[in-house]
Amino acid sequence: MLKGQRAESADTIRQLARFRDPEGRYHVARHLARLRATDEALSFLEEAVREGFFCVPAFVRDPWLHPLRASPAFATLMREAHTRHRRAIVSFISAEGDRVLGIEYPV
């Protein structure tokens, strides 16, 4: 982020938002949250989850998302992310992805 220049930083981040990669949308969201552009950050985070990036461990641990945590919309989005995350784990294990990658439990 540009040193102390929130508006310029937010504009630069918005330019990056043209990329349609869901993980990239998450990174845009976290930067906007850090700049306290919370409504916009939530919108980008919702797009990230909807488009396939729902890495719950990152969402839970990321301190830059802290400004979003008090929002009911964030709580709803985290429930959706948890649901999708669990489904992905079940699909991965059902397809024996853990065996293919040589993962031993507990992970």
PDB file of N, CA and C in Angstrom:
ATOM      1  N   MET A   1       0.833  -1.170   0.000  1.00  0.00           N
ATOM      2  CA  MET A   1       0.000   0.000   0.000  1.00  0.00           C
ATOM      3  C   MET A   1       0.875   1.229   0.000  1.00  0.00           C
ATOM      4  N   LEU A   2       0.356   2.253  -0.617  1.00  0.00           N
ATOM      5  CA  LEU A   2       1.104   3.497  -0.667  1.00  0.00           C
ATOM      6  C   LEU A   2       1.102   4.133   0.714  1.00  0.00           C
ATOM      7  N   LYS A   3       2.231   4.608   1.135  1.00  0.00           N
ATOM      8  CA  LYS A   3       2.406   5.117   2.499  1.00  0.00           C
ATOM      9  C   LYS A   3       1.431   6.255   2.815  1.00  0.00           C
ATOM     10  N   GLY A   4       0.447   5.944   3.663  1.00  0.00           N
ATOM     11  CA  GLY A   4      -0.471   6.963   4.138  1.00  0.00           C
ATOM     12  C   GLY A   4      -1.427   7.518   3.102  1.00  0.00           C
ATOM     13  N   GLN A   5      -1.487   6.951   1.937  1.00  0.00           N
ATOM     14  CA  GLN A   5      -2.328   7.477   0.863  1.00  0.00           C
ATOM     15  C   GLN A   5      -3.463   6.502   0.581  1.00  0.00           C
ATOM     16  N   ARG A   6      -4.474   6.533   1.443  1.00  0.00           N
ATOM     17  CA  ARG A   6      -5.569   5.567   1.354  1.00  0.00           C
ATOM     18  C   ARG A   6      -6.320   5.636   0.036  1.00  0.00           C
ATOM     19  N   ALA A   7      -6.697   6.822  -0.385  1.00  0.00           N
ATOM     20  CA  ALA A   7      -7.486   6.955  -1.622  1.00  0.00           C
ATOM     21  C   ALA A   7      -6.706   6.429  -2.818  1.00  0.00           C
ATOM     22  N   GLU A   8      -5.432   6.803  -2.909  1.00  0.00           N
ATOM     23  CA  GLU A   8      -4.606   6.341  -4.024  1.00  0.00           C
ATOM     24  C   GLU A   8      -4.393   4.828  -3.954  1.00  0.00           C
ATOM     25  N   SER A   9      -4.217   4.316  -2.751  1.00  0.00           N
ATOM     26  CA  SER A   9      -4.055   2.870  -2.573  1.00  0.00           C
ATOM     27  C   SER A   9      -5.315   2.134  -3.018  1.00  0.00           C
ATOM     28  N   ALA A  10      -6.468   2.631  -2.597  1.00  0.00           N
ATOM     29  CA  ALA A  10      -7.737   1.994  -2.968  1.00  0.00           C
ATOM     30  C   ALA A  10      -7.930   2.021  -4.478  1.00  0.00           C
ATOM     31  N   ASP A  11      -7.589   3.133  -5.118  1.00  0.00           N
ATOM     32  CA  ASP A  11      -7.720   3.210  -6.580  1.00  0.00           C
ATOM     33  C   ASP A  11      -6.821   2.195  -7.272  1.00  0.00           C
ATOM     34  N   THR A  12      -5.603   2.063  -6.774  1.00  0.00           N
ATOM     35  CA  THR A  12      -4.668   1.078  -7.350  1.00  0.00           C
ATOM     36  C   THR A  12      -5.209  -0.330  -7.177  1.00  0.00           C
ATOM     37  N   ILE A  13      -5.738  -0.616  -6.015  1.00  0.00           N
ATOM     38  CA  ILE A  13      -6.296  -1.949  -5.746  1.00  0.00           C
ATOM     39  C   ILE A  13      -7.485  -2.214  -6.667  1.00  0.00           C
ATOM     40  N   ARG A  14      -8.332  -1.217  -6.870  1.00  0.00           N
ATOM     41  CA  ARG A  14      -9.497  -1.396  -7.750  1.00  0.00           C
ATOM     42  C   ARG A  14      -9.066  -1.720  -9.182  1.00  0.00           C
ATOM     43  N   GLN A  15      -7.959  -1.136  -9.624  1.00  0.00           N
ATOM     44  CA  GLN A  15      -7.462  -1.444 -10.959  1.00  0.00           C
ATOM     45  C   GLN A  15      -7.083  -2.919 -11.069  1.00  0.00           C
ATOM     46  N   LEU A  16      -6.546  -3.471  -9.995  1.00  0.00           N
ATOM     47  CA  LEU A  16      -6.193  -4.891  -9.980  1.00  0.00           C
ATOM     48  C   LEU A  16      -7.434  -5.779 -10.038  1.00  0.00           C
ATOM     49  N   ALA A  17      -8.565  -5.231  -9.648  1.00  0.00           N
ATOM     50  CA  ALA A  17      -9.799  -6.013  -9.570  1.00  0.00           C
ATOM     51  C   ALA A  17     -10.302  -6.454 -10.939  1.00  0.00           C
ATOM     52  N   ARG A  18      -9.725  -5.964 -11.972  1.00  0.00           N
ATOM     53  CA  ARG A  18     -10.144  -6.392 -13.317  1.00  0.00           C
ATOM     54  C   ARG A  18      -9.811  -7.858 -13.567  1.00  0.00           C
ATOM     55  N   PHE A  19      -8.854  -8.383 -12.826  1.00  0.00           N
ATOM     56  CA  PHE A  19      -8.524  -9.797 -12.953  1.00  0.00           C
ATOM     57  C   PHE A  19      -9.668 -10.612 -12.369  1.00  0.00           C
ATOM     58  N   ARG A  20     -10.054 -11.669 -13.034  1.00  0.00           N
ATOM     59  CA  ARG A  20     -11.219 -12.447 -12.621  1.00  0.00           C
ATOM     60  C   ARG A  20     -10.870 -13.677 -11.790  1.00  0.00           C
ATOM     61  N   ASP A  21      -9.644 -13.816 -11.364  1.00  0.00           N
ATOM     62  CA  ASP A  21      -9.229 -14.946 -10.549  1.00  0.00           C
ATOM     63  C   ASP A  21      -9.846 -14.827  -9.155  1.00  0.00           C
ATOM     64  N   PRO A  22     -10.558 -15.870  -8.684  1.00  0.00           N
ATOM     65  CA  PRO A  22     -11.200 -15.777  -7.372  1.00  0.00           C
ATOM     66  C   PRO A  22     -10.227 -15.498  -6.220  1.00  0.00           C
ATOM     67  N   GLU A  23      -9.058 -16.099  -6.245  1.00  0.00           N
ATOM     68  CA  GLU A  23      -8.100 -15.814  -5.181  1.00  0.00           C
ATOM     69  C   GLU A  23      -7.617 -14.371  -5.263  1.00  0.00           C
ATOM     70  N   GLY A  24      -7.494 -13.880  -6.469  1.00  0.00           N
ATOM     71  CA  GLY A  24      -7.146 -12.471  -6.650  1.00  0.00           C
ATOM     72  C   GLY A  24      -8.220 -11.555  -6.085  1.00  0.00           C
ATOM     73  N   ARG A  25      -9.494 -11.946  -6.226  1.00  0.00           N
ATOM     74  CA  ARG A  25     -10.605 -11.167  -5.667  1.00  0.00           C
ATOM     75  C   ARG A  25     -10.480 -11.117  -4.136  1.00  0.00           C
ATOM     76  N   TYR A  26     -10.076 -12.232  -3.549  1.00  0.00           N
ATOM     77  CA  TYR A  26      -9.844 -12.263  -2.097  1.00  0.00           C
ATOM     78  C   TYR A  26      -8.769 -11.251  -1.712  1.00  0.00           C
ATOM     79  N   HIS A  27      -7.683 -11.213  -2.467  1.00  0.00           N
ATOM     80  CA  HIS A  27      -6.601 -10.288  -2.125  1.00  0.00           C
ATOM     81  C   HIS A  27      -7.043  -8.833  -2.293  1.00  0.00           C
ATOM     82  N   VAL A  28      -7.844  -8.562  -3.297  1.00  0.00           N
ATOM     83  CA  VAL A  28      -8.409  -7.213  -3.434  1.00  0.00           C
ATOM     84  C   VAL A  28      -9.275  -6.906  -2.217  1.00  0.00           C
ATOM     85  N   ALA A  29     -10.113  -7.864  -1.813  1.00  0.00           N
ATOM     86  CA  ALA A  29     -11.002  -7.669  -0.664  1.00  0.00           C
ATOM     87  C   ALA A  29     -10.211  -7.368   0.603  1.00  0.00           C
ATOM     88  N   ARG A  30      -9.159  -8.116   0.836  1.00  0.00           N
ATOM     89  CA  ARG A  30      -8.402  -7.915   2.078  1.00  0.00           C
ATOM     90  C   ARG A  30      -7.709  -6.564   2.096  1.00  0.00           C
ATOM     91  N   HIS A  31      -7.219  -6.124   0.943  1.00  0.00           N
ATOM     92  CA  HIS A  31      -6.592  -4.805   0.887  1.00  0.00           C
ATOM     93  C   HIS A  31      -7.625  -3.697   1.100  1.00  0.00           C
ATOM     94  N   LEU A  32      -8.782  -3.844   0.487  1.00  0.00           N
ATOM     95  CA  LEU A  32      -9.839  -2.849   0.685  1.00  0.00           C
ATOM     96  C   LEU A  32     -10.314  -2.833   2.138  1.00  0.00           C
ATOM     97  N   ALA A  33     -10.394  -4.000   2.764  1.00  0.00           N
ATOM     98  CA  ALA A  33     -10.769  -4.053   4.178  1.00  0.00           C
ATOM     99  C   ALA A  33      -9.729  -3.325   5.020  1.00  0.00           C
ATOM    100  N   ARG A  34      -8.482  -3.533   4.704  1.00  0.00           N
ATOM    101  CA  ARG A  34      -7.396  -2.864   5.433  1.00  0.00           C
ATOM    102  C   ARG A  34      -7.525  -1.345   5.320  1.00  0.00           C
ATOM    103  N   LEU A  35      -8.039  -0.882   4.177  1.00  0.00           N
ATOM    104  CA  LEU A  35      -8.228   0.553   3.943  1.00  0.00           C
ATOM    105  C   LEU A  35      -9.579   1.047   4.467  1.00  0.00           C
ATOM    106  N   ARG A  36     -10.316   0.155   5.121  1.00  0.00           N
ATOM    107  CA  ARG A  36     -11.632   0.451   5.710  1.00  0.00           C
ATOM    108  C   ARG A  36     -12.712   0.742   4.655  1.00  0.00           C
ATOM    109  N   ALA A  37     -12.528   0.231   3.457  1.00  0.00           N
ATOM    110  CA  ALA A  37     -13.576   0.287   2.428  1.00  0.00           C
ATOM    111  C   ALA A  37     -14.386  -1.002   2.568  1.00  0.00           C
ATOM    112  N   THR A  38     -15.114  -1.120   3.684  1.00  0.00           N
ATOM    113  CA  THR A  38     -15.690  -2.396   4.086  1.00  0.00           C
ATOM    114  C   THR A  38     -16.783  -2.906   3.154  1.00  0.00           C
ATOM    115  N   ASP A  39     -17.671  -2.037   2.694  1.00  0.00           N
ATOM    116  CA  ASP A  39     -18.732  -2.507   1.794  1.00  0.00           C
ATOM    117  C   ASP A  39     -18.142  -3.071   0.510  1.00  0.00           C
ATOM    118  N   GLU A  40     -17.187  -2.364  -0.026  1.00  0.00           N
ATOM    119  CA  GLU A  40     -16.535  -2.819  -1.255  1.00  0.00           C
ATOM    120  C   GLU A  40     -15.736  -4.101  -1.013  1.00  0.00           C
ATOM    121  N   ALA A  41     -15.074  -4.170   0.129  1.00  0.00           N
ATOM    122  CA  ALA A  41     -14.304  -5.364   0.478  1.00  0.00           C
ATOM    123  C   ALA A  41     -15.221  -6.581   0.586  1.00  0.00           C
ATOM    124  N   LEU A  42     -16.361  -6.407   1.238  1.00  0.00           N
ATOM    125  CA  LEU A  42     -17.326  -7.510   1.353  1.00  0.00           C
ATOM    126  C   LEU A  42     -17.810  -7.966  -0.010  1.00  0.00           C
ATOM    127  N   SER A  43     -18.041  -7.024  -0.887  1.00  0.00           N
ATOM    128  CA  SER A  43     -18.495  -7.366  -2.238  1.00  0.00           C
ATOM    129  C   SER A  43     -17.456  -8.230  -2.966  1.00  0.00           C
ATOM    130  N   PHE A  44     -16.201  -7.840  -2.869  1.00  0.00           N
ATOM    131  CA  PHE A  44     -15.141  -8.620  -3.519  1.00  0.00           C
ATOM    132  C   PHE A  44     -14.979  -9.988  -2.858  1.00  0.00           C
ATOM    133  N   LEU A  45     -15.113 -10.033  -1.543  1.00  0.00           N
ATOM    134  CA  LEU A  45     -14.989 -11.307  -0.849  1.00  0.00           C
ATOM    135  C   LEU A  45     -16.150 -12.236  -1.225  1.00  0.00           C
ATOM    136  N   GLU A  46     -17.343 -11.685  -1.348  1.00  0.00           N
ATOM    137  CA  GLU A  46     -18.497 -12.483  -1.791  1.00  0.00           C
ATOM    138  C   GLU A  46     -18.254 -13.049  -3.180  1.00  0.00           C
ATOM    139  N   GLU A  47     -17.703 -12.234  -4.078  1.00  0.00           N
ATOM    140  CA  GLU A  47     -17.383 -12.718  -5.429  1.00  0.00           C
ATOM    141  C   GLU A  47     -16.348 -13.832  -5.368  1.00  0.00           C
ATOM    142  N   ALA A  48     -15.335 -13.672  -4.526  1.00  0.00           N
ATOM    143  CA  ALA A  48     -14.290 -14.694  -4.409  1.00  0.00           C
ATOM    144  C   ALA A  48     -14.891 -16.030  -4.004  1.00  0.00           C
ATOM    145  N   VAL A  49     -15.761 -16.003  -2.994  1.00  0.00           N
ATOM    146  CA  VAL A  49     -16.385 -17.246  -2.515  1.00  0.00           C
ATOM    147  C   VAL A  49     -17.297 -17.820  -3.597  1.00  0.00           C
ATOM    148  N   ARG A  50     -18.110 -16.979  -4.181  1.00  0.00           N
ATOM    149  CA  ARG A  50     -19.051 -17.435  -5.215  1.00  0.00           C
ATOM    150  C   ARG A  50     -18.313 -18.045  -6.414  1.00  0.00           C
ATOM    151  N   GLU A  51     -17.142 -17.484  -6.741  1.00  0.00           N
ATOM    152  CA  GLU A  51     -16.385 -17.938  -7.907  1.00  0.00           C
ATOM    153  C   GLU A  51     -15.440 -19.099  -7.596  1.00  0.00           C
ATOM    154  N   GLY A  52     -15.376 -19.528  -6.306  1.00  0.00           N
ATOM    155  CA  GLY A  52     -14.622 -20.740  -6.017  1.00  0.00           C
ATOM    156  C   GLY A  52     -13.447 -20.630  -5.068  1.00  0.00           C
ATOM    157  N   PHE A  53     -13.204 -19.462  -4.482  1.00  0.00           N
ATOM    158  CA  PHE A  53     -12.130 -19.367  -3.482  1.00  0.00           C
ATOM    159  C   PHE A  53     -12.778 -19.240  -2.111  1.00  0.00           C
ATOM    160  N   PHE A  54     -12.695 -20.305  -1.334  1.00  0.00           N
ATOM    161  CA  PHE A  54     -13.326 -20.325  -0.009  1.00  0.00           C
ATOM    162  C   PHE A  54     -12.379 -20.979   0.992  1.00  0.00           C
ATOM    163  N   CYS A  55     -11.202 -20.424   1.068  1.00  0.00           N
ATOM    164  CA  CYS A  55     -10.158 -20.950   1.956  1.00  0.00           C
ATOM    165  C   CYS A  55     -10.414 -20.442   3.372  1.00  0.00           C
ATOM    166  N   VAL A  56     -11.229 -21.172   4.093  1.00  0.00           N
ATOM    167  CA  VAL A  56     -11.659 -20.767   5.431  1.00  0.00           C
ATOM    168  C   VAL A  56     -10.468 -20.494   6.357  1.00  0.00           C
ATOM    169  N   PRO A  57      -9.430 -21.337   6.370  1.00  0.00           N
ATOM    170  CA  PRO A  57      -8.300 -21.022   7.259  1.00  0.00           C
ATOM    171  C   PRO A  57      -7.708 -19.628   6.999  1.00  0.00           C
ATOM    172  N   ALA A  58      -7.620 -19.237   5.748  1.00  0.00           N
ATOM    173  CA  ALA A  58      -7.111 -17.895   5.426  1.00  0.00           C
ATOM    174  C   ALA A  58      -8.077 -16.823   5.913  1.00  0.00           C
ATOM    175  N   PHE A  59      -9.368 -17.030   5.693  1.00  0.00           N
ATOM    176  CA  PHE A  59     -10.361 -16.041   6.115  1.00  0.00           C
ATOM    177  C   PHE A  59     -10.347 -15.855   7.628  1.00  0.00           C
ATOM    178  N   VAL A  60     -10.186 -16.940   8.358  1.00  0.00           N
ATOM    179  CA  VAL A  60     -10.221 -16.893   9.818  1.00  0.00           C
ATOM    180  C   VAL A  60      -8.960 -16.228  10.382  1.00  0.00           C
ATOM    181  N   ARG A  61      -7.828 -16.483   9.773  1.00  0.00           N
ATOM    182  CA  ARG A  61      -6.547 -16.009  10.319  1.00  0.00           C
ATOM    183  C   ARG A  61      -6.107 -14.641   9.795  1.00  0.00           C
ATOM    184  N   ASP A  62      -6.691 -14.179   8.723  1.00  0.00           N
ATOM    185  CA  ASP A  62      -6.220 -12.946   8.081  1.00  0.00           C
ATOM    186  C   ASP A  62      -6.582 -11.712   8.913  1.00  0.00           C
ATOM    187  N   PRO A  63      -5.598 -11.045   9.520  1.00  0.00           N
ATOM    188  CA  PRO A  63      -5.903  -9.878  10.346  1.00  0.00           C
ATOM    189  C   PRO A  63      -6.439  -8.697   9.536  1.00  0.00           C
ATOM    190  N   TRP A  64      -6.146  -8.652   8.254  1.00  0.00           N
ATOM    191  CA  TRP A  64      -6.636  -7.543   7.432  1.00  0.00           C
ATOM    192  C   TRP A  64      -8.145  -7.612   7.224  1.00  0.00           C
ATOM    193  N   LEU A  65      -8.747  -8.768   7.453  1.00  0.00           N
ATOM    194  CA  LEU A  65     -10.202  -8.883   7.331  1.00  0.00           C
ATOM    195  C   LEU A  65     -10.922  -8.451   8.611  1.00  0.00           C
ATOM    196  N   HIS A  66     -10.179  -8.102   9.634  1.00  0.00           N
ATOM    197  CA  HIS A  66     -10.782  -7.732  10.919  1.00  0.00           C
ATOM    198  C   HIS A  66     -11.883  -6.665  10.793  1.00  0.00           C
ATOM    199  N   PRO A  67     -11.725  -5.628   9.983  1.00  0.00           N
ATOM    200  CA  PRO A  67     -12.787  -4.624   9.882  1.00  0.00           C
ATOM    201  C   PRO A  67     -14.124  -5.183   9.371  1.00  0.00           C
ATOM    202  N   LEU A  68     -14.105  -6.357   8.779  1.00  0.00           N
ATOM    203  CA  LEU A  68     -15.326  -6.955   8.229  1.00  0.00           C
ATOM    204  C   LEU A  68     -16.040  -7.850   9.235  1.00  0.00           C
ATOM    205  N   ARG A  69     -15.349  -8.290  10.241  1.00  0.00           N
ATOM    206  CA  ARG A  69     -15.865  -9.335  11.126  1.00  0.00           C
ATOM    207  C   ARG A  69     -17.124  -8.956  11.890  1.00  0.00           C
ATOM    208  N   ALA A  70     -17.371  -7.693  12.139  1.00  0.00           N
ATOM    209  CA  ALA A  70     -18.572  -7.271  12.873  1.00  0.00           C
ATOM    210  C   ALA A  70     -19.815  -7.245  11.986  1.00  0.00           C
ATOM    211  N   SER A  71     -19.632  -7.384  10.693  1.00  0.00           N
ATOM    212  CA  SER A  71     -20.747  -7.285   9.754  1.00  0.00           C
ATOM    213  C   SER A  71     -21.553  -8.586   9.702  1.00  0.00           C
ATOM    214  N   PRO A  72     -22.880  -8.483   9.774  1.00  0.00           N
ATOM    215  CA  PRO A  72     -23.708  -9.685   9.589  1.00  0.00           C
ATOM    216  C   PRO A  72     -23.488 -10.322   8.216  1.00  0.00           C
ATOM    217  N   ALA A  73     -23.204  -9.495   7.218  1.00  0.00           N
ATOM    218  CA  ALA A  73     -22.935 -10.034   5.873  1.00  0.00           C
ATOM    219  C   ALA A  73     -21.678 -10.897   5.882  1.00  0.00           C
ATOM    220  N   PHE A  74     -20.686 -10.513   6.669  1.00  0.00           N
ATOM    221  CA  PHE A  74     -19.463 -11.307   6.774  1.00  0.00           C
ATOM    222  C   PHE A  74     -19.764 -12.652   7.433  1.00  0.00           C
ATOM    223  N   ALA A  75     -20.572 -12.639   8.488  1.00  0.00           N
ATOM    224  CA  ALA A  75     -20.941 -13.887   9.165  1.00  0.00           C
ATOM    225  C   ALA A  75     -21.675 -14.825   8.211  1.00  0.00           C
ATOM    226  N   THR A  76     -22.591 -14.282   7.441  1.00  0.00           N
ATOM    227  CA  THR A  76     -23.323 -15.087   6.455  1.00  0.00           C
ATOM    228  C   THR A  76     -22.365 -15.657   5.420  1.00  0.00           C
ATOM    229  N   LEU A  77     -21.457 -14.821   4.957  1.00  0.00           N
ATOM    230  CA  LEU A  77     -20.486 -15.263   3.955  1.00  0.00           C
ATOM    231  C   LEU A  77     -19.572 -16.346   4.514  1.00  0.00           C
ATOM    232  N   MET A  78     -19.179 -16.233   5.778  1.00  0.00           N
ATOM    233  CA  MET A  78     -18.319 -17.252   6.380  1.00  0.00           C
ATOM    234  C   MET A  78     -19.057 -18.582   6.518  1.00  0.00           C
ATOM    235  N   ARG A  79     -20.347 -18.532   6.796  1.00  0.00           N
ATOM    236  CA  ARG A  79     -21.120 -19.792   6.838  1.00  0.00           C
ATOM    237  C   ARG A  79     -21.116 -20.452   5.463  1.00  0.00           C
ATOM    238  N   GLU A  80     -21.308 -19.654   4.419  1.00  0.00           N
ATOM    239  CA  GLU A  80     -21.276 -20.188   3.053  1.00  0.00           C
ATOM    240  C   GLU A  80     -19.894 -20.748   2.721  1.00  0.00           C
ATOM    241  N   ALA A  81     -18.859 -20.018   3.085  1.00  0.00           N
ATOM    242  CA  ALA A  81     -17.487 -20.481   2.828  1.00  0.00           C
ATOM    243  C   ALA A  81     -17.212 -21.792   3.561  1.00  0.00           C
ATOM    244  N   HIS A  82     -17.659 -21.902   4.824  1.00  0.00           N
ATOM    245  CA  HIS A  82     -17.472 -23.148   5.590  1.00  0.00           C
ATOM    246  C   HIS A  82     -18.188 -24.309   4.902  1.00  0.00           C
ATOM    247  N   THR A  83     -19.400 -24.071   4.445  1.00  0.00           N
ATOM    248  CA  THR A  83     -20.156 -25.127   3.762  1.00  0.00           C
ATOM    249  C   THR A  83     -19.419 -25.594   2.516  1.00  0.00           C
ATOM    250  N   ARG A  84     -18.964 -24.662   1.715  1.00  0.00           N
ATOM    251  CA  ARG A  84     -18.245 -25.020   0.480  1.00  0.00           C
ATOM    252  C   ARG A  84     -16.910 -25.690   0.803  1.00  0.00           C
ATOM    253  N   HIS A  85     -16.242 -25.213   1.825  1.00  0.00           N
ATOM    254  CA  HIS A  85     -14.956 -25.791   2.231  1.00  0.00           C
ATOM    255  C   HIS A  85     -15.141 -27.257   2.650  1.00  0.00           C
ATOM    256  N   ARG A  86     -16.154 -27.508   3.460  1.00  0.00           N
ATOM    257  CA  ARG A  86     -16.427 -28.894   3.896  1.00  0.00           C
ATOM    258  C   ARG A  86     -16.756 -29.793   2.702  1.00  0.00           C
ATOM    259  N   ARG A  87     -17.569 -29.289   1.776  1.00  0.00           N
ATOM    260  CA  ARG A  87     -17.901 -30.070   0.578  1.00  0.00           C
ATOM    261  C   ARG A  87     -16.646 -30.396  -0.223  1.00  0.00           C
ATOM    262  N   ALA A  88     -15.752 -29.439  -0.329  1.00  0.00           N
ATOM    263  CA  ALA A  88     -14.514 -29.664  -1.078  1.00  0.00           C
ATOM    264  C   ALA A  88     -13.656 -30.737  -0.400  1.00  0.00           C
ATOM    265  N   ILE A  89     -13.596 -30.711   0.917  1.00  0.00           N
ATOM    266  CA  ILE A  89     -12.822 -31.723   1.651  1.00  0.00           C
ATOM    267  C   ILE A  89     -13.426 -33.109   1.421  1.00  0.00           C
ATOM    268  N   VAL A  90     -14.744 -33.207   1.531  1.00  0.00           N
ATOM    269  CA  VAL A  90     -15.418 -34.494   1.316  1.00  0.00           C
ATOM    270  C   VAL A  90     -15.171 -34.989  -0.104  1.00  0.00           C
ATOM    271  N   SER A  91     -15.282 -34.109  -1.086  1.00  0.00           N
ATOM    272  CA  SER A  91     -15.039 -34.508  -2.476  1.00  0.00           C
ATOM    273  C   SER A  91     -13.605 -34.957  -2.682  1.00  0.00           C
ATOM    274  N   PHE A  92     -12.677 -34.234  -2.084  1.00  0.00           N
ATOM    275  CA  PHE A  92     -11.255 -34.564  -2.205  1.00  0.00           C
ATOM    276  C   PHE A  92     -10.974 -35.949  -1.644  1.00  0.00           C
ATOM    277  N   ILE A  93     -11.486 -36.214  -0.452  1.00  0.00           N
ATOM    278  CA  ILE A  93     -11.243 -37.510   0.184  1.00  0.00           C
ATOM    279  C   ILE A  93     -11.989 -38.619  -0.552  1.00  0.00           C
ATOM    280  N   SER A  94     -13.216 -38.347  -0.987  1.00  0.00           N
ATOM    281  CA  SER A  94     -13.991 -39.353  -1.737  1.00  0.00           C
ATOM    282  C   SER A  94     -13.300 -39.749  -3.032  1.00  0.00           C
ATOM    283  N   ALA A  95     -12.605 -38.808  -3.636  1.00  0.00           N
ATOM    284  CA  ALA A  95     -11.885 -39.082  -4.878  1.00  0.00           C
ATOM    285  C   ALA A  95     -10.478 -39.622  -4.610  1.00  0.00           C
ATOM    286  N   GLU A  96     -10.195 -39.909  -3.340  1.00  0.00           N
ATOM    287  CA  GLU A  96      -8.899 -40.420  -2.901  1.00  0.00           C
ATOM    288  C   GLU A  96      -7.743 -39.470  -3.224  1.00  0.00           C
ATOM    289  N   GLY A  97      -8.048 -38.195  -3.203  1.00  0.00           N
ATOM    290  CA  GLY A  97      -7.008 -37.199  -3.418  1.00  0.00           C
ATOM    291  C   GLY A  97      -5.920 -37.265  -2.367  1.00  0.00           C
ATOM    292  N   ASP A  98      -6.322 -37.574  -1.142  1.00  0.00           N
ATOM    293  CA  ASP A  98      -5.330 -37.703  -0.071  1.00  0.00           C
ATOM    294  C   ASP A  98      -4.353 -38.842  -0.357  1.00  0.00           C
ATOM    295  N   ARG A  99      -4.872 -39.951  -0.877  1.00  0.00           N
ATOM    296  CA  ARG A  99      -4.013 -41.101  -1.206  1.00  0.00           C
ATOM    297  C   ARG A  99      -3.082 -40.745  -2.360  1.00  0.00           C
ATOM    298  N   VAL A 100      -3.618 -40.098  -3.380  1.00  0.00           N
ATOM    299  CA  VAL A 100      -2.818 -39.731  -4.544  1.00  0.00           C
ATOM    300  C   VAL A 100      -1.663 -38.807  -4.146  1.00  0.00           C
ATOM    301  N   LEU A 101      -1.944 -37.892  -3.229  1.00  0.00           N
ATOM    302  CA  LEU A 101      -0.914 -36.945  -2.803  1.00  0.00           C
ATOM    303  C   LEU A 101      -0.071 -37.458  -1.638  1.00  0.00           C
ATOM    304  N   GLY A 102      -0.425 -38.609  -1.098  1.00  0.00           N
ATOM    305  CA  GLY A 102       0.344 -39.186  -0.010  1.00  0.00           C
ATOM    306  C   GLY A 102       0.163 -38.458   1.313  1.00  0.00           C
ATOM    307  N   ILE A 103      -1.024 -37.916   1.513  1.00  0.00           N
ATOM    308  CA  ILE A 103      -1.304 -37.196   2.755  1.00  0.00           C
ATOM    309  C   ILE A 103      -1.669 -38.193   3.843  1.00  0.00           C
ATOM    310  N   GLU A 104      -1.013 -38.044   4.982  1.00  0.00           N
ATOM    311  CA  GLU A 104      -1.323 -38.884   6.138  1.00  0.00           C
ATOM    312  C   GLU A 104      -2.014 -38.030   7.178  1.00  0.00           C
ATOM    313  N   TYR A 105      -2.991 -38.595   7.832  1.00  0.00           N
ATOM    314  CA  TYR A 105      -3.773 -37.852   8.818  1.00  0.00           C
ATOM    315  C   TYR A 105      -3.208 -38.078  10.203  1.00  0.00           C
ATOM    316  N   PRO A 106      -3.323 -37.164  11.145  1.00  0.00           N
ATOM    317  CA  PRO A 106      -4.010 -35.885  10.999  1.00  0.00           C
ATOM    318  C   PRO A 106      -3.156 -34.891  10.226  1.00  0.00           C
ATOM    319  N   VAL A 107      -3.828 -34.038   9.474  1.00  0.00           N
ATOM    320  CA  VAL A 107      -3.140 -33.022   8.655  1.00  0.00           C
ATOM    321  C   VAL A 107      -2.852 -31.825   9.512  1.00  0.00           C
TER     322      VAL A 107
END
